[in-house]
C-alpha atoms as a PDB file:
ATOM      1  CA  MET A   1     202.487 150.333  67.304  1.00  0.00           C
ATOM      2  CA  LEU A   2     205.533 152.593  66.970  1.00  0.00           C
ATOM      3  CA  PHE A   3     207.278 149.907  64.884  1.00  0.00           C
ATOM      4  CA  GLU A   4     204.193 149.674  62.653  1.00  0.00           C
ATOM      5  CA  ILE A   5     204.182 153.438  62.091  1.00  0.00           C
ATOM      6  CA  ALA A   6     207.932 153.506  61.385  1.00  0.00           C
ATOM      7  CA  LEU A   7     207.729 150.598  58.940  1.00  0.00           C
ATOM      8  CA  SER A   8     204.730 152.128  57.170  1.00  0.00           C
ATOM      9  CA  GLY A   9     206.475 155.504  56.989  1.00  0.00           C
ATOM     10  CA  ILE A  10     209.662 154.017  55.540  1.00  0.00           C
ATOM     11  CA  THR A  11     207.666 151.996  53.009  1.00  0.00           C
ATOM     12  CA  PHE A  12     205.659 155.078  52.051  1.00  0.00           C
ATOM     13  CA  LEU A  13     208.792 157.191  51.536  1.00  0.00           C
ATOM     14  CA  LEU A  14     210.673 154.528  49.555  1.00  0.00           C
ATOM     15  CA  ASN A  15     207.617 153.880  47.374  1.00  0.00           C
ATOM     16  CA  THR A  16     207.235 157.605  46.753  1.00  0.00           C
ATOM     17  CA  PHE A  17     210.904 157.967  45.818  1.00  0.00           C
ATOM     18  CA  LEU A  18     210.726 154.979  43.446  1.00  0.00           C
ATOM     19  CA  GLY A  19     207.473 156.202  41.871  1.00  0.00           C
ATOM     20  CA  LEU A  20     208.819 159.712  41.288  1.00  0.00           C
ATOM     21  CA  PHE A  21     212.116 158.363  39.947  1.00  0.00           C
ATOM     22  CA  VAL A  22     210.349 156.160  37.378  1.00  0.00           C
ATOM     23  CA  PHE A  23     207.804 158.833  36.470  1.00  0.00           C
ATOM     24  CA  TYR A  24     210.387 161.546  35.828  1.00  0.00           C
ATOM     25  CA  ARG A  25     212.563 159.240  33.695  1.00  0.00           C
ATOM     26  CA  ASN A  26     209.907 159.615  30.975  1.00  0.00           C
ATOM     27  CA  THR A  27     206.752 161.537  31.884  1.00  0.00           C
ATOM     28  CA  LYS A  28     205.171 160.848  28.478  1.00  0.00           C
ATOM     29  CA  SER A  29     205.353 157.051  28.771  1.00  0.00           C
ATOM     30  CA  TRP A  30     202.129 155.394  29.886  1.00  0.00           C
ATOM     31  CA  THR A  31     204.163 152.615  31.477  1.00  0.00           C
ATOM     32  CA  ASN A  32     205.826 155.184  33.733  1.00  0.00           C
ATOM     33  CA  ARG A  33     202.542 156.991  34.415  1.00  0.00           C
ATOM     34  CA  LEU A  34     200.769 153.752  35.319  1.00  0.00           C
ATOM     35  CA  PHE A  35     203.641 152.685  37.575  1.00  0.00           C
ATOM     36  CA  PHE A  36     203.426 156.060  39.333  1.00  0.00           C
ATOM     37  CA  ALA A  37     199.649 155.682  39.712  1.00  0.00           C
ATOM     38  CA  LEU A  38     200.086 152.174  41.127  1.00  0.00           C
ATOM     39  CA  ILE A  39     202.597 153.491  43.660  1.00  0.00           C
ATOM     40  CA  GLY A  40     200.121 156.246  44.561  1.00  0.00           C
ATOM     41  CA  PHE A  41     197.337 153.742  45.217  1.00  0.00           C
ATOM     42  CA  ILE A  42     199.664 151.536  47.266  1.00  0.00           C
ATOM     43  CA  ASN A  43     200.763 154.543  49.326  1.00  0.00           C
ATOM     44  CA  LEU A  44     197.155 155.544  49.876  1.00  0.00           C
ATOM     45  CA  TYR A  45     196.454 151.965  50.963  1.00  0.00           C
ATOM     46  CA  ILE A  46     199.287 152.172  53.517  1.00  0.00           C
ATOM     47  CA  VAL A  47     197.703 155.250  55.083  1.00  0.00           C
ATOM     48  CA  VAL A  48     194.062 154.151  55.140  1.00  0.00           C
ATOM     49  CA  ASN A  49     194.928 150.618  56.257  1.00  0.00           C
ATOM     50  CA  TYR A  50     196.605 152.074  59.343  1.00  0.00           C
ATOM     51  CA  PHE A  51     193.389 153.976  60.144  1.00  0.00           C
ATOM     52  CA  SER A  52     191.299 150.848  59.603  1.00  0.00           C
ATOM     53  CA  LEU A  53     193.395 149.041  62.211  1.00  0.00           C
ATOM     54  CA  HIS A  54     193.663 152.043  64.559  1.00  0.00           C
ATOM     55  CA  PRO A  55     190.638 154.274  63.911  1.00  0.00           C
ATOM     56  CA  PRO A  56     190.732 157.833  65.335  1.00  0.00           C
ATOM     57  CA  GLU A  57     187.493 157.079  67.197  1.00  0.00           C
ATOM     58  CA  PRO A  58     187.467 153.402  68.213  1.00  0.00           C
ATOM     59  CA  THR A  59     183.800 152.773  67.499  1.00  0.00           C
ATOM     60  CA  PRO A  60     182.471 149.918  65.330  1.00  0.00           C
ATOM     61  CA  GLU A  61     180.935 152.406  62.881  1.00  0.00           C
ATOM     62  CA  ASN A  62     184.190 154.312  62.503  1.00  0.00           C
ATOM     63  CA  GLN A  63     186.249 151.149  62.064  1.00  0.00           C
ATOM     64  CA  LEU A  64     183.791 149.847  59.451  1.00  0.00           C
ATOM     65  CA  PHE A  65     184.062 153.184  57.650  1.00  0.00           C
ATOM     66  CA  TRP A  66     187.859 152.891  57.446  1.00  0.00           C
ATOM     67  CA  ILE A  67     187.644 149.259  56.318  1.00  0.00           C
ATOM     68  CA  ARG A  68     185.328 150.371  53.527  1.00  0.00           C
ATOM     69  CA  VAL A  69     187.798 153.113  52.558  1.00  0.00           C
ATOM     70  CA  VAL A  70     190.560 150.472  52.377  1.00  0.00           C
ATOM     71  CA  MET A  71     188.371 148.406  50.045  1.00  0.00           C
ATOM     72  CA  PHE A  72     187.631 151.515  47.968  1.00  0.00           C
ATOM     73  CA  VAL A  73     191.346 152.272  47.529  1.00  0.00           C
ATOM     74  CA  THR A  74     192.265 148.672  46.728  1.00  0.00           C
ATOM     75  CA  SER A  75     189.545 148.616  44.051  1.00  0.00           C
ATOM     76  CA  PHE A  76     191.910 150.710  41.914  1.00  0.00           C
ATOM     77  CA  ILE A  77     195.054 148.602  42.471  1.00  0.00           C
ATOM     78  CA  GLY A  78     194.050 145.525  40.427  1.00  0.00           C
ATOM     79  CA  PRO A  79     192.968 147.446  37.296  1.00  0.00           C
ATOM     80  CA  THR A  80     196.012 149.727  37.459  1.00  0.00           C
ATOM     81  CA  LEU A  81     198.345 146.738  37.799  1.00  0.00           C
ATOM     82  CA  LEU A  82     196.664 145.008  34.845  1.00  0.00           C
ATOM     83  CA  LEU A  83     196.954 148.132  32.695  1.00  0.00           C
ATOM     84  CA  LEU A  84     200.606 148.461  33.692  1.00  0.00           C
ATOM     85  CA  THR A  85     201.465 144.853  32.862  1.00  0.00           C
ATOM     86  CA  HIS A  86     199.534 145.029  29.586  1.00  0.00           C
ATOM     87  CA  THR A  87     201.254 148.282  28.562  1.00  0.00           C
ATOM     88  CA  PHE A  88     204.770 147.382  29.764  1.00  0.00           C
ATOM     89  CA  PRO A  89     207.318 148.042  28.206  1.00  0.00           C
ATOM     90  CA  LYS A  90     205.572 150.234  25.600  1.00  0.00           C
ATOM     91  CA  ASP A  91     204.884 153.960  25.890  1.00  0.00           C
ATOM     92  CA  LYS A  92     201.221 153.767  24.877  1.00  0.00           C
ATOM     93  CA  ILE A  93     198.232 151.841  26.189  1.00  0.00           C
ATOM     94  CA  LYS A  94     197.352 149.165  23.602  1.00  0.00           C
ATOM     95  CA  LEU A  95     194.221 147.807  25.323  1.00  0.00           C
ATOM     96  CA  SER A  96     191.166 148.155  23.087  1.00  0.00           C
ATOM     97  CA  ILE A  97     188.542 150.735  23.982  1.00  0.00           C
ATOM     98  CA  PRO A  98     185.816 148.130  24.777  1.00  0.00           C
ATOM     99  CA  LYS A  99     188.190 146.240  27.097  1.00  0.00           C
ATOM    100  CA  LEU A 100     189.316 149.493  28.706  1.00  0.00           C
ATOM    101  CA  MET A 101     185.679 150.470  29.269  1.00  0.00           C
ATOM    102  CA  ALA A 102     184.885 147.045  30.787  1.00  0.00           C
ATOM    103  CA  LEU A 103     187.915 147.318  33.079  1.00  0.00           C
ATOM    104  CA  SER A 104     186.847 150.815  34.121  1.00  0.00           C
ATOM    105  CA  ALA A 105     183.279 149.667  34.752  1.00  0.00           C
ATOM    106  CA  LEU A 106     184.503 146.793  36.936  1.00  0.00           C
ATOM    107  CA  CYS A 107     186.820 149.130  38.835  1.00  0.00           C
ATOM    108  CA  PHE A 108     184.213 151.812  39.511  1.00  0.00           C
ATOM    109  CA  THR A 109     181.500 149.264  40.358  1.00  0.00           C
ATOM    110  CA  SER A 110     183.822 147.671  42.905  1.00  0.00           C
ATOM    111  CA  ALA A 111     184.866 151.058  44.308  1.00  0.00           C
ATOM    112  CA  THR A 112     181.267 152.251  44.653  1.00  0.00           C
ATOM    113  CA  ALA A 113     180.096 148.976  46.216  1.00  0.00           C
ATOM    114  CA  SER A 114     183.013 149.172  48.653  1.00  0.00           C
ATOM    115  CA  LEU A 115     181.863 152.487  50.094  1.00  0.00           C
ATOM    116  CA  LEU A 116     178.252 151.329  50.319  1.00  0.00           C
ATOM    117  CA  PRO A 117     177.182 148.391  52.502  1.00  0.00           C
ATOM    118  CA  TYR A 118     177.555 145.892  49.660  1.00  0.00           C
ATOM    119  CA  VAL A 119     181.108 144.588  50.042  1.00  0.00           C
ATOM    120  CA  PHE A 120     180.960 144.607  53.846  1.00  0.00           C
ATOM    121  CA  THR A 121     177.569 144.953  55.512  1.00  0.00           C
ATOM    122  CA  GLY A 122     178.714 145.217  59.108  1.00  0.00           C
ATOM    123  CA  ILE A 123     181.396 144.401  61.633  1.00  0.00           C
ATOM    124  CA  GLU A 124     181.581 141.956  64.543  1.00  0.00           C
ATOM    125  CA  TYR A 125     184.132 141.520  67.324  1.00  0.00           C
ATOM    126  CA  PRO A 126     184.551 137.832  68.179  1.00  0.00           C
ATOM    127  CA  ASN A 127     187.451 137.479  70.641  1.00  0.00           C
ATOM    128  CA  GLY A 128     187.889 141.278  70.548  1.00  0.00           C
ATOM    129  CA  GLU A 129     189.164 141.317  66.942  1.00  0.00           C
ATOM    130  CA  PRO A 130     187.251 143.202  64.215  1.00  0.00           C
ATOM    131  CA  VAL A 131     185.774 140.890  61.581  1.00  0.00           C
ATOM    132  CA  PRO A 132     183.785 142.551  58.773  1.00  0.00           C
ATOM    133  CA  THR A 133     180.674 140.749  57.537  1.00  0.00           C
ATOM    134  CA  PRO A 134     180.903 140.054  53.774  1.00  0.00           C
ATOM    135  CA  GLY A 135     178.104 141.423  51.642  1.00  0.00           C
ATOM    136  CA  PRO A 136     176.605 140.497  48.272  1.00  0.00           C
ATOM    137  CA  ALA A 137     179.205 142.458  46.234  1.00  0.00           C
ATOM    138  CA  ILE A 138     182.249 140.671  47.664  1.00  0.00           C
ATOM    139  CA  PRO A 139     182.584 138.555  44.457  1.00  0.00           C
ATOM    140  CA  ILE A 140     182.833 141.754  42.387  1.00  0.00           C
ATOM    141  CA  PHE A 141     185.585 143.041  44.655  1.00  0.00           C
ATOM    142  CA  PHE A 142     187.324 139.651  44.531  1.00  0.00           C
ATOM    143  CA  ILE A 143     187.348 139.688  40.717  1.00  0.00           C
ATOM    144  CA  ASP A 144     188.451 143.334  40.668  1.00  0.00           C
ATOM    145  CA  PHE A 145     191.348 142.904  43.095  1.00  0.00           C
ATOM    146  CA  ALA A 146     192.451 139.278  43.368  1.00  0.00           C
ATOM    147  CA  GLY A 147     191.358 138.198  39.892  1.00  0.00           C
ATOM    148  CA  LEU A 148     193.066 141.074  38.102  1.00  0.00           C
ATOM    149  CA  PHE A 149     196.122 140.718  40.352  1.00  0.00           C
ATOM    150  CA  VAL A 150     196.557 137.053  39.400  1.00  0.00           C
ATOM    151  CA  PHE A 151     195.813 137.773  35.736  1.00  0.00           C
ATOM    152  CA  SER A 152     198.474 140.515  35.764  1.00  0.00           C
ATOM    153  CA  PHE A 153     201.118 138.053  36.912  1.00  0.00           C
ATOM    154  CA  VAL A 154     200.005 135.468  34.348  1.00  0.00           C
ATOM    155  CA  LEU A 155     200.314 138.166  31.690  1.00  0.00           C
ATOM    156  CA  LEU A 156     203.802 139.091  32.911  1.00  0.00           C
ATOM    157  CA  ILE A 157     204.910 135.453  32.777  1.00  0.00           C
ATOM    158  CA  TYR A 158     203.447 135.117  29.283  1.00  0.00           C
ATOM    159  CA  LYS A 159     205.286 138.255  28.125  1.00  0.00           C
ATOM    160  CA  TYR A 160     208.508 137.036  29.687  1.00  0.00           C
ATOM    161  CA  ARG A 161     208.320 133.621  28.012  1.00  0.00           C
ATOM    162  CA  LYS A 162     207.408 135.218  24.690  1.00  0.00           C
ATOM    163  CA  SER A 163     210.386 137.595  24.882  1.00  0.00           C
ATOM    164  CA  ILE A 164     213.031 134.858  25.109  1.00  0.00           C
END
């Protein structure tokens, strides 16, 4: 557990340093702002994920609460990464307003469903390990996080191949 805390702390500090370094290189660039926001969400994930694994009060309700908070935080990572990869290396966001609104709607729907009992309805402990029970909104979260994550990398590869 001490190793886990040390590793998380080092990761948090290095992420923070990198995020601030990039942000202050050009505070007016949306690429830098989005990178800083992504680092912020990842750092927040590091903190809340620790609490989901080691809740302050080790009750099923408390652990489920922290798991839902982890899902809430990660709901913002996929859209932020997509915006970053779409904007990179420009200074302004070029995504159209309708697409930006759809991305925002997906993000906030996923985040809201994560805090309510729609992404995970409950928690069970087979073999003593916590296993959350998926709910009806898990596909929305999957599209929001995993789908946008994969699409971001496809977009980066496309931009890389186009740049050569």
